[in-house]
Amino acid sequence: MRRRWNDAAGWLQLVWAVFLHRTVAKKEQWKRWQARRNLALCRAEAHGRLPKEMADRLKLTEAHIKAKIKDGKKVEQVGVDAAAREAAAEEDAA
């Protein structure tokens, strides 16, 4: 039964990540939405979803998904707003 719940939770996290990926529109909130998407990808992986499956659903490469999962782990530690500010600062510095 627990496996079924983990599968369902992973699937829901993946659906949430796809929704966030496809609906982000406002530039001001872009980094926050991306941080939330990365967190959802990280959680979907924790619940058993494979990066290949996520890549297929999001229409991104598997390497890109793995990088975003890594970013999601960072978001989990520092929070969405802090991760978004940090990503914006990195982009401004580049």
PDB file of N, CA and C in Angstrom:
ATOM      1  N   MET A   1       0.825  -1.197   0.000  1.00  0.00           N
ATOM      2  CA  MET A   1       0.000   0.000   0.000  1.00  0.00           C
ATOM      3  C   MET A   1       0.868   1.260   0.000  1.00  0.00           C
ATOM      4  N   ARG A   2       1.966   1.201   0.772  1.00  0.00           N
ATOM      5  CA  ARG A   2       2.846   2.368   0.856  1.00  0.00           C
ATOM      6  C   ARG A   2       3.452   2.687  -0.513  1.00  0.00           C
ATOM      7  N   ARG A   3       3.811   1.641  -1.268  1.00  0.00           N
ATOM      8  CA  ARG A   3       4.376   1.848  -2.594  1.00  0.00           C
ATOM      9  C   ARG A   3       3.369   2.547  -3.500  1.00  0.00           C
ATOM     10  N   ARG A   4       2.107   2.160  -3.383  1.00  0.00           N
ATOM     11  CA  ARG A   4       1.074   2.788  -4.200  1.00  0.00           C
ATOM     12  C   ARG A   4       0.956   4.276  -3.876  1.00  0.00           C
ATOM     13  N   TRP A   5       1.025   4.615  -2.585  1.00  0.00           N
ATOM     14  CA  TRP A   5       0.964   6.028  -2.185  1.00  0.00           C
ATOM     15  C   TRP A   5       2.185   6.792  -2.682  1.00  0.00           C
ATOM     16  N   ASN A   6       3.364   6.154  -2.599  1.00  0.00           N
ATOM     17  CA  ASN A   6       4.578   6.804  -3.096  1.00  0.00           C
ATOM     18  C   ASN A   6       4.495   7.029  -4.598  1.00  0.00           C
ATOM     19  N   ASP A   7       3.974   6.038  -5.325  1.00  0.00           N
ATOM     20  CA  ASP A   7       3.804   6.201  -6.774  1.00  0.00           C
ATOM     21  C   ASP A   7       2.846   7.349  -7.073  1.00  0.00           C
ATOM     22  N   ALA A   8       1.746   7.400  -6.347  1.00  0.00           N
ATOM     23  CA  ALA A   8       0.758   8.465  -6.559  1.00  0.00           C
ATOM     24  C   ALA A   8       1.338   9.830  -6.192  1.00  0.00           C
ATOM     25  N   ALA A   9       2.054   9.896  -5.091  1.00  0.00           N
ATOM     26  CA  ALA A   9       2.658  11.170  -4.668  1.00  0.00           C
ATOM     27  C   ALA A   9       3.712  11.623  -5.679  1.00  0.00           C
ATOM     28  N   GLY A  10       4.509  10.701  -6.165  1.00  0.00           N
ATOM     29  CA  GLY A  10       5.511  11.039  -7.173  1.00  0.00           C
ATOM     30  C   GLY A  10       4.863  11.515  -8.461  1.00  0.00           C
ATOM     31  N   TRP A  11       3.793  10.847  -8.858  1.00  0.00           N
ATOM     32  CA  TRP A  11       3.081  11.241 -10.069  1.00  0.00           C
ATOM     33  C   TRP A  11       2.485  12.638  -9.902  1.00  0.00           C
ATOM     34  N   LEU A  12       1.877  12.918  -8.744  1.00  0.00           N
ATOM     35  CA  LEU A  12       1.298  14.244  -8.502  1.00  0.00           C
ATOM     36  C   LEU A  12       2.371  15.330  -8.504  1.00  0.00           C
ATOM     37  N   GLN A  13       3.532  15.055  -7.930  1.00  0.00           N
ATOM     38  CA  GLN A  13       4.622  16.034  -7.942  1.00  0.00           C
ATOM     39  C   GLN A  13       5.082  16.294  -9.371  1.00  0.00           C
ATOM     40  N   LEU A  14       5.118  15.245 -10.184  1.00  0.00           N
ATOM     41  CA  LEU A  14       5.508  15.408 -11.576  1.00  0.00           C
ATOM     42  C   LEU A  14       4.469  16.230 -12.342  1.00  0.00           C
ATOM     43  N   VAL A  15       3.192  15.972 -12.108  1.00  0.00           N
ATOM     44  CA  VAL A  15       2.125  16.755 -12.746  1.00  0.00           C
ATOM     45  C   VAL A  15       2.250  18.217 -12.341  1.00  0.00           C
ATOM     46  N   TRP A  16       2.529  18.470 -11.073  1.00  0.00           N
ATOM     47  CA  TRP A  16       2.699  19.834 -10.572  1.00  0.00           C
ATOM     48  C   TRP A  16       3.896  20.500 -11.265  1.00  0.00           C
ATOM     49  N   ALA A  17       4.989  19.782 -11.408  1.00  0.00           N
ATOM     50  CA  ALA A  17       6.179  20.323 -12.079  1.00  0.00           C
ATOM     51  C   ALA A  17       5.866  20.667 -13.537  1.00  0.00           C
ATOM     52  N   VAL A  18       5.118  19.799 -14.216  1.00  0.00           N
ATOM     53  CA  VAL A  18       4.742  20.058 -15.611  1.00  0.00           C
ATOM     54  C   VAL A  18       3.860  21.303 -15.689  1.00  0.00           C
ATOM     55  N   PHE A  19       2.895  21.400 -14.785  1.00  0.00           N
ATOM     56  CA  PHE A  19       2.007  22.567 -14.760  1.00  0.00           C
ATOM     57  C   PHE A  19       2.810  23.850 -14.561  1.00  0.00           C
ATOM     58  N   LEU A  20       3.694  23.868 -13.580  1.00  0.00           N
ATOM     59  CA  LEU A  20       4.502  25.060 -13.320  1.00  0.00           C
ATOM     60  C   LEU A  20       5.396  25.382 -14.507  1.00  0.00           C
ATOM     61  N   HIS A  21       5.958  24.360 -15.109  1.00  0.00           N
ATOM     62  CA  HIS A  21       6.857  24.565 -16.247  1.00  0.00           C
ATOM     63  C   HIS A  21       6.119  25.212 -17.420  1.00  0.00           C
ATOM     64  N   ARG A  22       4.898  24.816 -17.638  1.00  0.00           N
ATOM     65  CA  ARG A  22       4.155  25.284 -18.812  1.00  0.00           C
ATOM     66  C   ARG A  22       3.381  26.569 -18.585  1.00  0.00           C
ATOM     67  N   THR A  23       3.170  26.989 -17.351  1.00  0.00           N
ATOM     68  CA  THR A  23       2.326  28.151 -17.106  1.00  0.00           C
ATOM     69  C   THR A  23       3.068  29.380 -16.612  1.00  0.00           C
ATOM     70  N   VAL A  24       4.350  29.285 -16.424  1.00  0.00           N
ATOM     71  CA  VAL A  24       5.103  30.443 -15.946  1.00  0.00           C
ATOM     72  C   VAL A  24       5.079  31.519 -17.024  1.00  0.00           C
ATOM     73  N   ALA A  25       4.567  32.691 -16.663  1.00  0.00           N
ATOM     74  CA  ALA A  25       4.444  33.733 -17.671  1.00  0.00           C
ATOM     75  C   ALA A  25       5.045  35.070 -17.226  1.00  0.00           C
ATOM     76  N   LYS A  26       4.900  35.424 -15.958  1.00  0.00           N
ATOM     77  CA  LYS A  26       5.348  36.739 -15.488  1.00  0.00           C
ATOM     78  C   LYS A  26       6.843  36.746 -15.233  1.00  0.00           C
ATOM     79  N   LYS A  27       7.514  37.744 -15.806  1.00  0.00           N
ATOM     80  CA  LYS A  27       8.964  37.826 -15.642  1.00  0.00           C
ATOM     81  C   LYS A  27       9.382  38.035 -14.186  1.00  0.00           C
ATOM     82  N   GLU A  28       8.608  38.812 -13.445  1.00  0.00           N
ATOM     83  CA  GLU A  28       8.991  39.107 -12.050  1.00  0.00           C
ATOM     84  C   GLU A  28       9.015  37.843 -11.197  1.00  0.00           C
ATOM     85  N   GLN A  29       8.149  36.910 -11.497  1.00  0.00           N
ATOM     86  CA  GLN A  29       8.052  35.717 -10.667  1.00  0.00           C
ATOM     87  C   GLN A  29       8.718  34.505 -11.295  1.00  0.00           C
ATOM     88  N   TRP A  30       9.393  34.720 -12.418  1.00  0.00           N
ATOM     89  CA  TRP A  30      10.002  33.614 -13.144  1.00  0.00           C
ATOM     90  C   TRP A  30      10.916  32.777 -12.264  1.00  0.00           C
ATOM     91  N   LYS A  31      11.810  33.399 -11.532  1.00  0.00           N
ATOM     92  CA  LYS A  31      12.777  32.655 -10.724  1.00  0.00           C
ATOM     93  C   LYS A  31      12.097  31.880  -9.599  1.00  0.00           C
ATOM     94  N   ARG A  32      11.063  32.480  -8.982  1.00  0.00           N
ATOM     95  CA  ARG A  32      10.344  31.775  -7.917  1.00  0.00           C
ATOM     96  C   ARG A  32       9.628  30.545  -8.468  1.00  0.00           C
ATOM     97  N   TRP A  33       8.984  30.705  -9.615  1.00  0.00           N
ATOM     98  CA  TRP A  33       8.277  29.580 -10.228  1.00  0.00           C
ATOM     99  C   TRP A  33       9.267  28.481 -10.617  1.00  0.00           C
ATOM    100  N   GLN A  34      10.396  28.878 -11.159  1.00  0.00           N
ATOM    101  CA  GLN A  34      11.403  27.893 -11.537  1.00  0.00           C
ATOM    102  C   GLN A  34      11.918  27.159 -10.298  1.00  0.00           C
ATOM    103  N   ALA A  35      12.107  27.887  -9.205  1.00  0.00           N
ATOM    104  CA  ALA A  35      12.555  27.259  -7.961  1.00  0.00           C
ATOM    105  C   ALA A  35      11.503  26.267  -7.464  1.00  0.00           C
ATOM    106  N   ARG A  36      10.231  26.649  -7.553  1.00  0.00           N
ATOM    107  CA  ARG A  36       9.156  25.736  -7.141  1.00  0.00           C
ATOM    108  C   ARG A  36       9.114  24.509  -8.040  1.00  0.00           C
ATOM    109  N   ARG A  37       9.303  24.718  -9.344  1.00  0.00           N
ATOM    110  CA  ARG A  37       9.326  23.594 -10.276  1.00  0.00           C
ATOM    111  C   ARG A  37      10.473  22.648  -9.939  1.00  0.00           C
ATOM    112  N   ASN A  38      11.645  23.211  -9.662  1.00  0.00           N
ATOM    113  CA  ASN A  38      12.806  22.389  -9.332  1.00  0.00           C
ATOM    114  C   ASN A  38      12.566  21.602  -8.049  1.00  0.00           C
ATOM    115  N   LEU A  39      11.924  22.231  -7.087  1.00  0.00           N
ATOM    116  CA  LEU A  39      11.591  21.546  -5.835  1.00  0.00           C
ATOM    117  C   LEU A  39      10.605  20.410  -6.108  1.00  0.00           C
ATOM    118  N   ALA A  40       9.608  20.654  -6.949  1.00  0.00           N
ATOM    119  CA  ALA A  40       8.638  19.609  -7.295  1.00  0.00           C
ATOM    120  C   ALA A  40       9.328  18.450  -8.014  1.00  0.00           C
ATOM    121  N   LEU A  41      10.280  18.751  -8.893  1.00  0.00           N
ATOM    122  CA  LEU A  41      11.031  17.690  -9.576  1.00  0.00           C
ATOM    123  C   LEU A  41      11.845  16.872  -8.576  1.00  0.00           C
ATOM    124  N   CYS A  42      12.460  17.560  -7.627  1.00  0.00           N
ATOM    125  CA  CYS A  42      13.249  16.888  -6.598  1.00  0.00           C
ATOM    126  C   CYS A  42      12.364  15.945  -5.775  1.00  0.00           C
ATOM    127  N   ARG A  43      11.194  16.427  -5.403  1.00  0.00           N
ATOM    128  CA  ARG A  43      10.272  15.614  -4.606  1.00  0.00           C
ATOM    129  C   ARG A  43       9.694  14.457  -5.416  1.00  0.00           C
ATOM    130  N   ALA A  44       9.427  14.694  -6.702  1.00  0.00           N
ATOM    131  CA  ALA A  44       8.931  13.610  -7.554  1.00  0.00           C
ATOM    132  C   ALA A  44       9.967  12.498  -7.650  1.00  0.00           C
ATOM    133  N   GLU A  45      11.247  12.889  -7.766  1.00  0.00           N
ATOM    134  CA  GLU A  45      12.310  11.887  -7.810  1.00  0.00           C
ATOM    135  C   GLU A  45      12.384  11.136  -6.485  1.00  0.00           C
ATOM    136  N   ALA A  46      12.205  11.850  -5.385  1.00  0.00           N
ATOM    137  CA  ALA A  46      12.247  11.207  -4.071  1.00  0.00           C
ATOM    138  C   ALA A  46      11.119  10.185  -3.915  1.00  0.00           C
ATOM    139  N   HIS A  47      10.033  10.383  -4.652  1.00  0.00           N
ATOM    140  CA  HIS A  47       8.902   9.458  -4.594  1.00  0.00           C
ATOM    141  C   HIS A  47       8.948   8.414  -5.705  1.00  0.00           C
ATOM    142  N   GLY A  48      10.091   8.293  -6.380  1.00  0.00           N
ATOM    143  CA  GLY A  48      10.269   7.197  -7.305  1.00  0.00           C
ATOM    144  C   GLY A  48      10.108   7.504  -8.780  1.00  0.00           C
ATOM    145  N   ARG A  49       9.870   8.745  -9.153  1.00  0.00           N
ATOM    146  CA  ARG A  49       9.777   9.077 -10.584  1.00  0.00           C
ATOM    147  C   ARG A  49      11.189   9.146 -11.156  1.00  0.00           C
ATOM    148  N   LEU A  50      11.378   8.641 -12.340  1.00  0.00           N
ATOM    149  CA  LEU A  50      12.694   8.622 -12.985  1.00  0.00           C
ATOM    150  C   LEU A  50      12.932   9.904 -13.780  1.00  0.00           C
ATOM    151  N   PRO A  51      14.182  10.384 -13.817  1.00  0.00           N
ATOM    152  CA  PRO A  51      14.491  11.580 -14.612  1.00  0.00           C
ATOM    153  C   PRO A  51      14.090  11.438 -16.085  1.00  0.00           C
ATOM    154  N   LYS A  52      14.192  10.234 -16.636  1.00  0.00           N
ATOM    155  CA  LYS A  52      13.794  10.001 -18.037  1.00  0.00           C
ATOM    156  C   LYS A  52      12.304  10.294 -18.222  1.00  0.00           C
ATOM    157  N   GLU A  53      11.494   9.818 -17.296  1.00  0.00           N
ATOM    158  CA  GLU A  53      10.044  10.061 -17.363  1.00  0.00           C
ATOM    159  C   GLU A  53       9.748  11.561 -17.258  1.00  0.00           C
ATOM    160  N   MET A  54      10.441  12.233 -16.343  1.00  0.00           N
ATOM    161  CA  MET A  54      10.237  13.672 -16.175  1.00  0.00           C
ATOM    162  C   MET A  54      10.652  14.421 -17.439  1.00  0.00           C
ATOM    163  N   ALA A  55      11.776  14.020 -18.022  1.00  0.00           N
ATOM    164  CA  ALA A  55      12.267  14.664 -19.240  1.00  0.00           C
ATOM    165  C   ALA A  55      11.254  14.507 -20.376  1.00  0.00           C
ATOM    166  N   ASP A  56      10.680  13.327 -20.489  1.00  0.00           N
ATOM    167  CA  ASP A  56       9.671  13.101 -21.524  1.00  0.00           C
ATOM    168  C   ASP A  56       8.445  13.974 -21.315  1.00  0.00           C
ATOM    169  N   ARG A  57       7.990  14.082 -20.073  1.00  0.00           N
ATOM    170  CA  ARG A  57       6.789  14.873 -19.780  1.00  0.00           C
ATOM    171  C   ARG A  57       7.018  16.366 -19.952  1.00  0.00           C
ATOM    172  N   LEU A  58       8.216  16.845 -19.567  1.00  0.00           N
ATOM    173  CA  LEU A  58       8.517  18.274 -19.652  1.00  0.00           C
ATOM    174  C   LEU A  58       9.112  18.681 -21.000  1.00  0.00           C
ATOM    175  N   LYS A  59       9.416  17.680 -21.822  1.00  0.00           N
ATOM    176  CA  LYS A  59      10.032  17.925 -23.131  1.00  0.00           C
ATOM    177  C   LYS A  59      11.384  18.640 -22.990  1.00  0.00           C
ATOM    178  N   LEU A  60      12.163  18.168 -22.014  1.00  0.00           N
ATOM    179  CA  LEU A  60      13.517  18.653 -21.772  1.00  0.00           C
ATOM    180  C   LEU A  60      14.457  17.457 -21.831  1.00  0.00           C
ATOM    181  N   THR A  61      15.755  17.720 -21.847  1.00  0.00           N
ATOM    182  CA  THR A  61      16.707  16.610 -21.856  1.00  0.00           C
ATOM    183  C   THR A  61      16.842  16.029 -20.454  1.00  0.00           C
ATOM    184  N   GLU A  62      17.262  14.778 -20.401  1.00  0.00           N
ATOM    185  CA  GLU A  62      17.448  14.118 -19.115  1.00  0.00           C
ATOM    186  C   GLU A  62      18.547  14.807 -18.300  1.00  0.00           C
ATOM    187  N   ALA A  63      19.602  15.280 -18.970  1.00  0.00           N
ATOM    188  CA  ALA A  63      20.687  15.987 -18.274  1.00  0.00           C
ATOM    189  C   ALA A  63      20.170  17.280 -17.647  1.00  0.00           C
ATOM    190  N   HIS A  64      19.294  17.981 -18.361  1.00  0.00           N
ATOM    191  CA  HIS A  64      18.713  19.222 -17.844  1.00  0.00           C
ATOM    192  C   HIS A  64      17.864  18.923 -16.605  1.00  0.00           C
ATOM    193  N   ILE A  65      17.097  17.857 -16.666  1.00  0.00           N
ATOM    194  CA  ILE A  65      16.250  17.467 -15.529  1.00  0.00           C
ATOM    195  C   ILE A  65      17.120  17.126 -14.323  1.00  0.00           C
ATOM    196  N   LYS A  66      18.199  16.387 -14.541  1.00  0.00           N
ATOM    197  CA  LYS A  66      19.081  16.031 -13.427  1.00  0.00           C
ATOM    198  C   LYS A  66      19.677  17.279 -12.780  1.00  0.00           C
ATOM    199  N   ALA A  67      20.023  18.269 -13.596  1.00  0.00           N
ATOM    200  CA  ALA A  67      20.541  19.525 -13.057  1.00  0.00           C
ATOM    201  C   ALA A  67      19.472  20.244 -12.241  1.00  0.00           C
ATOM    202  N   LYS A  68      18.233  20.215 -12.713  1.00  0.00           N
ATOM    203  CA  LYS A  68      17.148  20.892 -12.001  1.00  0.00           C
ATOM    204  C   LYS A  68      16.792  20.156 -10.710  1.00  0.00           C
ATOM    205  N   ILE A  69      16.931  18.843 -10.701  1.00  0.00           N
ATOM    206  CA  ILE A  69      16.715  18.085  -9.465  1.00  0.00           C
ATOM    207  C   ILE A  69      17.755  18.496  -8.431  1.00  0.00           C
ATOM    208  N   LYS A  70      18.995  18.660  -8.887  1.00  0.00           N
ATOM    209  CA  LYS A  70      20.072  19.122  -8.001  1.00  0.00           C
ATOM    210  C   LYS A  70      19.741  20.518  -7.456  1.00  0.00           C
ATOM    211  N   ASP A  71      19.239  21.407  -8.332  1.00  0.00           N
ATOM    212  CA  ASP A  71      18.818  22.741  -7.889  1.00  0.00           C
ATOM    213  C   ASP A  71      17.665  22.647  -6.900  1.00  0.00           C
ATOM    214  N   GLY A  72      16.767  21.681  -7.105  1.00  0.00           N
ATOM    215  CA  GLY A  72      15.630  21.486  -6.202  1.00  0.00           C
ATOM    216  C   GLY A  72      16.075  21.110  -4.807  1.00  0.00           C
ATOM    217  N   LYS A  73      17.145  20.332  -4.724  1.00  0.00           N
ATOM    218  CA  LYS A  73      17.679  19.966  -3.404  1.00  0.00           C
ATOM    219  C   LYS A  73      18.204  21.205  -2.685  1.00  0.00           C
ATOM    220  N   LYS A  74      18.775  22.137  -3.445  1.00  0.00           N
ATOM    221  CA  LYS A  74      19.253  23.390  -2.872  1.00  0.00           C
ATOM    222  C   LYS A  74      18.070  24.236  -2.386  1.00  0.00           C
ATOM    223  N   VAL A  75      16.996  24.275  -3.181  1.00  0.00           N
ATOM    224  CA  VAL A  75      15.790  25.031  -2.812  1.00  0.00           C
ATOM    225  C   VAL A  75      15.210  24.464  -1.525  1.00  0.00           C
ATOM    226  N   GLU A  76      15.240  23.145  -1.393  1.00  0.00           N
ATOM    227  CA  GLU A  76      14.712  22.489  -0.201  1.00  0.00           C
ATOM    228  C   GLU A  76      15.448  22.963   1.055  1.00  0.00           C
ATOM    229  N   GLN A  77      16.744  23.234   0.905  1.00  0.00           N
ATOM    230  CA  GLN A  77      17.552  23.641   2.050  1.00  0.00           C
ATOM    231  C   GLN A  77      17.381  25.116   2.394  1.00  0.00           C
ATOM    232  N   VAL A  78      17.344  25.992   1.380  1.00  0.00           N
ATOM    233  CA  VAL A  78      17.346  27.434   1.659  1.00  0.00           C
ATOM    234  C   VAL A  78      15.985  28.101   1.507  1.00  0.00           C
ATOM    235  N   GLY A  79      15.043  27.448   0.848  1.00  0.00           N
ATOM    236  CA  GLY A  79      13.725  28.035   0.650  1.00  0.00           C
ATOM    237  C   GLY A  79      13.596  28.644  -0.744  1.00  0.00           C
ATOM    238  N   VAL A  80      12.355  28.794  -1.177  1.00  0.00           N
ATOM    239  CA  VAL A  80      12.064  29.258  -2.534  1.00  0.00           C
ATOM    240  C   VAL A  80      12.546  30.682  -2.765  1.00  0.00           C
ATOM    241  N   ASP A  81      12.208  31.595  -1.864  1.00  0.00           N
ATOM    242  CA  ASP A  81      12.567  32.997  -2.068  1.00  0.00           C
ATOM    243  C   ASP A  81      14.077  33.208  -2.082  1.00  0.00           C
ATOM    244  N   ALA A  82      14.777  32.572  -1.155  1.00  0.00           N
ATOM    245  CA  ALA A  82      16.234  32.723  -1.103  1.00  0.00           C
ATOM    246  C   ALA A  82      16.881  32.135  -2.358  1.00  0.00           C
ATOM    247  N   ALA A  83      16.390  30.996  -2.814  1.00  0.00           N
ATOM    248  CA  ALA A  83      16.951  30.384  -4.025  1.00  0.00           C
ATOM    249  C   ALA A  83      16.674  31.255  -5.245  1.00  0.00           C
ATOM    250  N   ALA A  84      15.495  31.867  -5.307  1.00  0.00           N
ATOM    251  CA  ALA A  84      15.155  32.737  -6.433  1.00  0.00           C
ATOM    252  C   ALA A  84      16.044  33.979  -6.437  1.00  0.00           C
ATOM    253  N   ARG A  85      16.254  34.573  -5.258  1.00  0.00           N
ATOM    254  CA  ARG A  85      17.129  35.747  -5.167  1.00  0.00           C
ATOM    255  C   ARG A  85      18.551  35.400  -5.585  1.00  0.00           C
ATOM    256  N   GLU A  86      19.018  34.247  -5.132  1.00  0.00           N
ATOM    257  CA  GLU A  86      20.379  33.811  -5.466  1.00  0.00           C
ATOM    258  C   GLU A  86      20.518  33.563  -6.972  1.00  0.00           C
ATOM    259  N   ALA A  87      19.516  32.944  -7.583  1.00  0.00           N
ATOM    260  CA  ALA A  87      19.560  32.670  -9.021  1.00  0.00           C
ATOM    261  C   ALA A  87      19.535  33.993  -9.809  1.00  0.00           C
ATOM    262  N   ALA A  88      18.746  34.946  -9.354  1.00  0.00           N
ATOM    263  CA  ALA A  88      18.682  36.261 -10.027  1.00  0.00           C
ATOM    264  C   ALA A  88      20.023  36.982  -9.901  1.00  0.00           C
ATOM    265  N   ALA A  89      20.651  36.898  -8.727  1.00  0.00           N
ATOM    266  CA  ALA A  89      21.941  37.535  -8.520  1.00  0.00           C
ATOM    267  C   ALA A  89      23.009  36.892  -9.417  1.00  0.00           C
ATOM    268  N   GLU A  90      22.974  35.577  -9.550  1.00  0.00           N
ATOM    269  CA  GLU A  90      23.924  34.891 -10.425  1.00  0.00           C
ATOM    270  C   GLU A  90      23.724  35.315 -11.871  1.00  0.00           C
ATOM    271  N   GLU A  91      22.461  35.476 -12.278  1.00  0.00           N
ATOM    272  CA  GLU A  91      22.164  35.879 -13.643  1.00  0.00           C
ATOM    273  C   GLU A  91      22.629  37.302 -13.903  1.00  0.00           C
ATOM    274  N   ASP A  92      22.439  38.187 -12.912  1.00  0.00           N
ATOM    275  CA  ASP A  92      22.880  39.580 -13.055  1.00  0.00           C
ATOM    276  C   ASP A  92      24.398  39.686 -13.132  1.00  0.00           C
ATOM    277  N   ALA A  93      25.088  38.810 -12.386  1.00  0.00           N
ATOM    278  CA  ALA A  93      26.548  38.841 -12.368  1.00  0.00           C
ATOM    279  C   ALA A  93      27.135  38.338 -13.696  1.00  0.00           C
ATOM    280  N   ALA A  94      26.398  37.498 -14.370  1.00  0.00           N
ATOM    281  CA  ALA A  94      26.917  36.915 -15.622  1.00  0.00           C
ATOM    282  C   ALA A  94      26.805  37.852 -16.793  1.00  0.00           C
TER     283      ALA A  94
END
